[in-house]
Amino acid sequence: MGNESTWDADLLYSLHEYWINPESREIWIRGIDGNQVLETITDNIPEGGVEYQMATRTIMNLNYLKSLDKEAPVTIHLHTCGGESEQGMAIYDAIRSMPYWVTIVGYADIRSMSSIIFLAGDEKLMMPNSKFMIHYGEYYTFGEMKTVEADFNEDKKFNKFMDKLYSDKSDFSRKEIKKMLESKRNIWFNAKQAVKHGFADGIYE
């Protein structure tokens, strides 16, 4: 009994402090309180978004599981709102580079940058009451005119990347995606709609 209790405590510590269960090969991607805090529209509850610490920890966990077994599948539990595009792309690239099969289960609102992370999975499952949202996002820059122009051009390149990714992962054409994103601030899909259009492979039962 003593060993089992200790093992449970160690597992809980690993889950909450490192967001990983090496034995079941599960990883959690979640926001960190006090970093990249976004507020929900309804009740102003702080919601941690995609940021540097999240990206670094996720990349380490992915590579740690690869060091244990390069072929055994991995499940990622994704529960985070949007956030920094650079850090989100770091997570996206890391997931895509793994040699094992990655299933991503999306919780709550899979929106903005987290929608891109979600699409990195080999299998993409949504919880029954989760939602999927895409948009171009917000961009901020300052400095000399040449600096602003350079940053603006990079933002346009990222928009083109999103056009291609969202069209490749759905039944919408690239032209349709571009038109949707340019005409409306946020495009929402419930879980059934996301599956219907190809953004998700199924609903987690």
C-alpha atoms as a PDB file:
ATOM      1  CA  MET A   1       0.000   0.000   0.000  1.00  0.00           C
ATOM      2  CA  GLY A   2       2.827   2.380   0.866  1.00  0.00           C
ATOM      3  CA  ASN A   3       4.514   2.028  -2.516  1.00  0.00           C
ATOM      4  CA  GLU A   4       1.238   2.450  -4.367  1.00  0.00           C
ATOM      5  CA  SER A   5       0.456   5.632  -2.435  1.00  0.00           C
ATOM      6  CA  THR A   6       3.928   7.038  -3.159  1.00  0.00           C
ATOM      7  CA  TRP A   7       3.585   6.191  -6.839  1.00  0.00           C
ATOM      8  CA  ASP A   8       0.230   8.002  -6.955  1.00  0.00           C
ATOM      9  CA  ALA A   9       1.748  11.075  -5.319  1.00  0.00           C
ATOM     10  CA  ASP A  10       4.661  11.050  -7.755  1.00  0.00           C
ATOM     11  CA  LEU A  11       2.281  10.721 -10.666  1.00  0.00           C
ATOM     12  CA  LEU A  12       0.143  13.617  -9.488  1.00  0.00           C
ATOM     13  CA  TYR A  13       3.269  15.729  -9.066  1.00  0.00           C
ATOM     14  CA  SER A  14       4.365  14.868 -12.596  1.00  0.00           C
ATOM     15  CA  LEU A  15       0.933  15.690 -13.983  1.00  0.00           C
ATOM     16  CA  HIS A  16       0.533  19.028 -12.245  1.00  0.00           C
ATOM     17  CA  GLU A  17       4.120  20.266 -12.316  1.00  0.00           C
ATOM     18  CA  TYR A  18       5.329  18.896 -15.642  1.00  0.00           C
ATOM     19  CA  TRP A  19       2.051  18.251 -17.508  1.00  0.00           C
ATOM     20  CA  ILE A  20       3.042  14.734 -18.487  1.00  0.00           C
ATOM     21  CA  ASN A  21       2.255  11.104 -17.655  1.00  0.00           C
ATOM     22  CA  PRO A  22       5.165   9.100 -19.112  1.00  0.00           C
ATOM     23  CA  GLU A  23       3.507   5.741 -18.426  1.00  0.00           C
ATOM     24  CA  SER A  24       0.319   6.484 -20.363  1.00  0.00           C
ATOM     25  CA  ARG A  25       2.239   8.732 -22.806  1.00  0.00           C
ATOM     26  CA  GLU A  26      -0.084  11.693 -22.278  1.00  0.00           C
ATOM     27  CA  ILE A  27       0.846  15.381 -22.401  1.00  0.00           C
ATOM     28  CA  TRP A  28      -1.243  18.351 -21.279  1.00  0.00           C
ATOM     29  CA  ILE A  29      -0.987  21.723 -23.004  1.00  0.00           C
ATOM     30  CA  ARG A  30      -2.584  24.314 -20.774  1.00  0.00           C
ATOM     31  CA  GLY A  31      -2.240  27.960 -19.868  1.00  0.00           C
ATOM     32  CA  ILE A  32      -0.122  29.207 -16.995  1.00  0.00           C
ATOM     33  CA  ASP A  33      -1.680  31.664 -14.543  1.00  0.00           C
ATOM     34  CA  GLY A  34      -0.045  35.059 -14.705  1.00  0.00           C
ATOM     35  CA  ASN A  35       1.428  34.598 -18.190  1.00  0.00           C
ATOM     36  CA  GLN A  36      -0.205  35.849 -21.370  1.00  0.00           C
ATOM     37  CA  VAL A  37      -3.411  36.270 -19.380  1.00  0.00           C
ATOM     38  CA  LEU A  38      -6.509  36.749 -21.494  1.00  0.00           C
ATOM     39  CA  GLU A  39      -9.941  37.460 -20.043  1.00  0.00           C
ATOM     40  CA  THR A  40     -13.101  35.640 -21.014  1.00  0.00           C
ATOM     41  CA  ILE A  41     -15.863  37.823 -22.378  1.00  0.00           C
ATOM     42  CA  THR A  42     -18.457  36.589 -19.910  1.00  0.00           C
ATOM     43  CA  ASP A  43     -16.995  36.768 -16.434  1.00  0.00           C
ATOM     44  CA  ASN A  44     -13.424  38.132 -16.607  1.00  0.00           C
ATOM     45  CA  ILE A  45     -11.850  34.897 -15.349  1.00  0.00           C
ATOM     46  CA  PRO A  46      -8.139  34.927 -16.229  1.00  0.00           C
ATOM     47  CA  GLU A  47      -7.301  32.411 -18.932  1.00  0.00           C
ATOM     48  CA  GLY A  48      -3.689  31.572 -19.708  1.00  0.00           C
ATOM     49  CA  GLY A  49      -2.793  31.597 -23.386  1.00  0.00           C
ATOM     50  CA  VAL A  50       0.005  30.277 -25.551  1.00  0.00           C
ATOM     51  CA  GLU A  51       3.363  31.649 -24.398  1.00  0.00           C
ATOM     52  CA  TYR A  52       7.054  30.810 -23.989  1.00  0.00           C
ATOM     53  CA  GLN A  53       6.854  28.608 -20.898  1.00  0.00           C
ATOM     54  CA  MET A  54       4.032  26.547 -22.382  1.00  0.00           C
ATOM     55  CA  ALA A  55       5.968  26.059 -25.625  1.00  0.00           C
ATOM     56  CA  THR A  56       9.213  25.136 -23.882  1.00  0.00           C
ATOM     57  CA  ARG A  57       7.559  22.607 -21.582  1.00  0.00           C
ATOM     58  CA  THR A  58       5.577  21.035 -24.419  1.00  0.00           C
ATOM     59  CA  ILE A  59       8.668  20.653 -26.603  1.00  0.00           C
ATOM     60  CA  MET A  60      10.598  19.050 -23.743  1.00  0.00           C
ATOM     61  CA  ASN A  61       7.759  16.637 -22.993  1.00  0.00           C
ATOM     62  CA  LEU A  62       7.395  15.625 -26.643  1.00  0.00           C
ATOM     63  CA  ASN A  63      11.095  14.922 -26.935  1.00  0.00           C
ATOM     64  CA  TYR A  64      11.204  13.106 -23.610  1.00  0.00           C
ATOM     65  CA  LEU A  65       8.536  10.659 -24.772  1.00  0.00           C
ATOM     66  CA  LYS A  66      10.440  10.253 -28.032  1.00  0.00           C
ATOM     67  CA  SER A  67      13.544   9.285 -26.041  1.00  0.00           C
ATOM     68  CA  LEU A  68      11.525   6.585 -24.270  1.00  0.00           C
ATOM     69  CA  ASP A  69       9.918   5.142 -27.390  1.00  0.00           C
ATOM     70  CA  LYS A  70       9.959   6.527 -30.919  1.00  0.00           C
ATOM     71  CA  GLU A  71       6.987   4.505 -32.106  1.00  0.00           C
ATOM     72  CA  ALA A  72       4.413   4.312 -29.302  1.00  0.00           C
ATOM     73  CA  PRO A  73       1.549   6.794 -29.844  1.00  0.00           C
ATOM     74  CA  VAL A  74       1.069   9.905 -27.722  1.00  0.00           C
ATOM     75  CA  THR A  75      -2.093  11.719 -26.642  1.00  0.00           C
ATOM     76  CA  ILE A  76      -2.093  15.482 -26.116  1.00  0.00           C
ATOM     77  CA  HIS A  77      -4.845  17.141 -24.078  1.00  0.00           C
ATOM     78  CA  LEU A  78      -5.174  20.682 -25.449  1.00  0.00           C
ATOM     79  CA  HIS A  79      -6.866  23.159 -23.127  1.00  0.00           C
ATOM     80  CA  THR A  80      -5.738  26.675 -23.899  1.00  0.00           C
ATOM     81  CA  CYS A  81      -7.023  29.762 -25.637  1.00  0.00           C
ATOM     82  CA  GLY A  82      -5.136  31.735 -28.273  1.00  0.00           C
ATOM     83  CA  GLY A  83      -1.885  33.533 -27.658  1.00  0.00           C
ATOM     84  CA  GLU A  84       1.510  34.275 -29.154  1.00  0.00           C
ATOM     85  CA  SER A  85       1.851  33.079 -32.744  1.00  0.00           C
ATOM     86  CA  GLU A  86       5.620  32.506 -32.521  1.00  0.00           C
ATOM     87  CA  GLN A  87       5.308  30.212 -29.500  1.00  0.00           C
ATOM     88  CA  GLY A  88       2.279  28.476 -30.978  1.00  0.00           C
ATOM     89  CA  MET A  89       4.216  27.716 -34.147  1.00  0.00           C
ATOM     90  CA  ALA A  90       7.061  26.312 -32.027  1.00  0.00           C
ATOM     91  CA  ILE A  91       4.569  23.841 -30.533  1.00  0.00           C
ATOM     92  CA  TYR A  92       3.040  23.114 -33.950  1.00  0.00           C
ATOM     93  CA  ASP A  93       6.449  22.373 -35.519  1.00  0.00           C
ATOM     94  CA  ALA A  94       7.495  20.198 -32.575  1.00  0.00           C
ATOM     95  CA  ILE A  95       4.353  18.074 -32.826  1.00  0.00           C
ATOM     96  CA  ARG A  96       4.713  17.683 -36.589  1.00  0.00           C
ATOM     97  CA  SER A  97       8.358  16.613 -36.212  1.00  0.00           C
ATOM     98  CA  MET A  98       7.645  13.716 -33.846  1.00  0.00           C
ATOM     99  CA  PRO A  99       8.087  10.179 -35.286  1.00  0.00           C
ATOM    100  CA  TYR A 100       5.167   8.734 -33.316  1.00  0.00           C
ATOM    101  CA  TRP A 101       1.423   9.069 -33.911  1.00  0.00           C
ATOM    102  CA  VAL A 102      -0.072  12.059 -32.079  1.00  0.00           C
ATOM    103  CA  THR A 103      -3.724  12.259 -31.086  1.00  0.00           C
ATOM    104  CA  ILE A 104      -4.882  15.668 -29.869  1.00  0.00           C
ATOM    105  CA  VAL A 105      -8.028  16.003 -27.766  1.00  0.00           C
ATOM    106  CA  GLY A 106      -9.374  19.567 -27.708  1.00  0.00           C
ATOM    107  CA  TYR A 107     -11.258  21.010 -24.739  1.00  0.00           C
ATOM    108  CA  ALA A 108     -13.438  24.118 -24.337  1.00  0.00           C
ATOM    109  CA  ASP A 109     -12.640  26.749 -26.997  1.00  0.00           C
ATOM    110  CA  ILE A 110     -10.047  25.617 -29.532  1.00  0.00           C
ATOM    111  CA  ARG A 111      -9.517  29.045 -30.945  1.00  0.00           C
ATOM    112  CA  SER A 112      -7.009  31.304 -32.638  1.00  0.00           C
ATOM    113  CA  MET A 113      -3.459  29.976 -32.069  1.00  0.00           C
ATOM    114  CA  SER A 114      -4.720  26.857 -30.301  1.00  0.00           C
ATOM    115  CA  SER A 115      -6.716  25.982 -33.433  1.00  0.00           C
ATOM    116  CA  ILE A 116      -3.424  25.829 -35.351  1.00  0.00           C
ATOM    117  CA  ILE A 117      -1.803  23.669 -32.650  1.00  0.00           C
ATOM    118  CA  PHE A 118      -4.852  21.371 -32.798  1.00  0.00           C
ATOM    119  CA  LEU A 119      -4.380  20.863 -36.545  1.00  0.00           C
ATOM    120  CA  ALA A 120      -0.844  19.554 -35.973  1.00  0.00           C
ATOM    121  CA  GLY A 121      -2.231  16.246 -34.702  1.00  0.00           C
ATOM    122  CA  ASP A 122      -2.356  13.064 -36.758  1.00  0.00           C
ATOM    123  CA  GLU A 123      -5.755  12.468 -35.189  1.00  0.00           C
ATOM    124  CA  LYS A 124      -7.850  15.381 -33.943  1.00  0.00           C
ATOM    125  CA  LEU A 125     -10.722  14.815 -31.510  1.00  0.00           C
ATOM    126  CA  MET A 126     -13.006  17.416 -29.924  1.00  0.00           C
ATOM    127  CA  MET A 127     -14.897  17.106 -26.694  1.00  0.00           C
ATOM    128  CA  PRO A 128     -18.695  17.115 -27.255  1.00  0.00           C
ATOM    129  CA  ASN A 129     -19.201  20.687 -26.030  1.00  0.00           C
ATOM    130  CA  SER A 130     -15.974  22.189 -27.313  1.00  0.00           C
ATOM    131  CA  LYS A 131     -15.871  24.802 -30.092  1.00  0.00           C
ATOM    132  CA  PHE A 132     -13.413  25.556 -32.884  1.00  0.00           C
ATOM    133  CA  MET A 133     -12.668  29.128 -33.951  1.00  0.00           C
ATOM    134  CA  ILE A 134     -10.431  30.587 -36.650  1.00  0.00           C
ATOM    135  CA  HIS A 135      -9.433  34.158 -37.414  1.00  0.00           C
ATOM    136  CA  TYR A 136      -6.454  36.181 -38.603  1.00  0.00           C
ATOM    137  CA  GLY A 137      -5.597  37.389 -35.129  1.00  0.00           C
ATOM    138  CA  GLU A 138      -4.239  40.714 -33.950  1.00  0.00           C
ATOM    139  CA  TYR A 139      -0.803  42.112 -34.732  1.00  0.00           C
ATOM    140  CA  TYR A 140       1.109  44.847 -32.950  1.00  0.00           C
ATOM    141  CA  THR A 141       4.306  46.608 -33.949  1.00  0.00           C
ATOM    142  CA  PHE A 142       6.121  49.879 -33.438  1.00  0.00           C
ATOM    143  CA  GLY A 143       9.320  51.588 -34.527  1.00  0.00           C
ATOM    144  CA  GLU A 144      10.647  53.220 -37.679  1.00  0.00           C
ATOM    145  CA  MET A 145       8.668  53.020 -40.903  1.00  0.00           C
ATOM    146  CA  LYS A 146      10.919  50.336 -42.405  1.00  0.00           C
ATOM    147  CA  THR A 147      10.540  48.225 -39.261  1.00  0.00           C
ATOM    148  CA  VAL A 148       6.747  48.547 -39.363  1.00  0.00           C
ATOM    149  CA  GLU A 149       6.691  47.640 -43.058  1.00  0.00           C
ATOM    150  CA  ALA A 150       8.875  44.566 -42.481  1.00  0.00           C
ATOM    151  CA  ASP A 151       6.684  43.395 -39.599  1.00  0.00           C
ATOM    152  CA  PHE A 152       3.546  44.000 -41.656  1.00  0.00           C
ATOM    153  CA  ASN A 153       4.899  41.870 -44.504  1.00  0.00           C
ATOM    154  CA  GLU A 154       5.683  39.047 -42.068  1.00  0.00           C
ATOM    155  CA  ASP A 155       2.141  39.229 -40.714  1.00  0.00           C
ATOM    156  CA  LYS A 156       0.788  38.927 -44.261  1.00  0.00           C
ATOM    157  CA  LYS A 157       2.922  35.817 -44.794  1.00  0.00           C
ATOM    158  CA  PHE A 158       1.455  34.271 -41.645  1.00  0.00           C
ATOM    159  CA  ASN A 159      -2.060  35.025 -42.868  1.00  0.00           C
ATOM    160  CA  LYS A 160      -1.245  33.143 -46.081  1.00  0.00           C
ATOM    161  CA  PHE A 161       0.036  30.234 -43.998  1.00  0.00           C
ATOM    162  CA  MET A 162      -3.282  30.139 -42.139  1.00  0.00           C
ATOM    163  CA  ASP A 163      -5.238  30.279 -45.410  1.00  0.00           C
ATOM    164  CA  LYS A 164      -3.364  27.219 -46.664  1.00  0.00           C
ATOM    165  CA  LEU A 165      -3.463  25.291 -43.376  1.00  0.00           C
ATOM    166  CA  TYR A 166      -7.179  25.792 -42.778  1.00  0.00           C
ATOM    167  CA  SER A 167      -8.039  24.878 -46.378  1.00  0.00           C
ATOM    168  CA  ASP A 168      -5.740  21.833 -46.382  1.00  0.00           C
ATOM    169  CA  LYS A 169      -7.365  20.577 -43.159  1.00  0.00           C
ATOM    170  CA  SER A 170     -10.981  21.163 -44.187  1.00  0.00           C
ATOM    171  CA  ASP A 171     -13.401  20.897 -47.085  1.00  0.00           C
ATOM    172  CA  PHE A 172     -13.165  24.637 -47.694  1.00  0.00           C
ATOM    173  CA  SER A 173     -11.083  25.935 -50.571  1.00  0.00           C
ATOM    174  CA  ARG A 174      -8.272  28.390 -49.924  1.00  0.00           C
ATOM    175  CA  LYS A 175     -10.354  31.110 -51.578  1.00  0.00           C
ATOM    176  CA  GLU A 176     -13.313  30.342 -49.313  1.00  0.00           C
ATOM    177  CA  ILE A 177     -11.141  30.430 -46.181  1.00  0.00           C
ATOM    178  CA  LYS A 178      -9.593  33.746 -47.177  1.00  0.00           C
ATOM    179  CA  LYS A 179     -13.007  35.248 -47.889  1.00  0.00           C
ATOM    180  CA  MET A 180     -14.380  34.057 -44.538  1.00  0.00           C
ATOM    181  CA  LEU A 181     -11.439  35.381 -42.542  1.00  0.00           C
ATOM    182  CA  GLU A 182     -11.446  38.742 -44.314  1.00  0.00           C
ATOM    183  CA  SER A 183     -15.197  39.260 -43.983  1.00  0.00           C
ATOM    184  CA  LYS A 184     -15.758  38.291 -40.357  1.00  0.00           C
ATOM    185  CA  ARG A 185     -13.731  38.731 -37.163  1.00  0.00           C
ATOM    186  CA  ASN A 186     -14.212  35.229 -35.731  1.00  0.00           C
ATOM    187  CA  ILE A 187     -15.493  32.095 -37.463  1.00  0.00           C
ATOM    188  CA  TRP A 188     -16.971  29.573 -34.995  1.00  0.00           C
ATOM    189  CA  PHE A 189     -17.807  25.881 -35.403  1.00  0.00           C
ATOM    190  CA  ASN A 190     -19.301  23.584 -32.812  1.00  0.00           C
ATOM    191  CA  ALA A 191     -17.846  20.084 -32.487  1.00  0.00           C
ATOM    192  CA  LYS A 192     -20.236  18.509 -35.004  1.00  0.00           C
ATOM    193  CA  GLN A 193     -19.656  21.295 -37.521  1.00  0.00           C
ATOM    194  CA  ALA A 194     -15.883  21.051 -37.107  1.00  0.00           C
ATOM    195  CA  VAL A 195     -16.049  17.319 -37.849  1.00  0.00           C
ATOM    196  CA  LYS A 196     -18.389  17.883 -40.785  1.00  0.00           C
ATOM    197  CA  HIS A 197     -16.000  20.343 -42.415  1.00  0.00           C
ATOM    198  CA  GLY A 198     -12.866  18.296 -41.673  1.00  0.00           C
ATOM    199  CA  PHE A 199     -11.174  20.434 -39.020  1.00  0.00           C
ATOM    200  CA  ALA A 200     -11.623  17.535 -36.590  1.00  0.00           C
ATOM    201  CA  ASP A 201     -11.674  13.783 -37.152  1.00  0.00           C
ATOM    202  CA  GLY A 202     -14.256  12.967 -34.523  1.00  0.00           C
ATOM    203  CA  ILE A 203     -15.900  13.744 -31.198  1.00  0.00           C
ATOM    204  CA  TYR A 204     -14.292  12.199 -28.106  1.00  0.00           C
ATOM    205  CA  GLU A 205     -16.619   9.710 -26.450  1.00  0.00           C
END
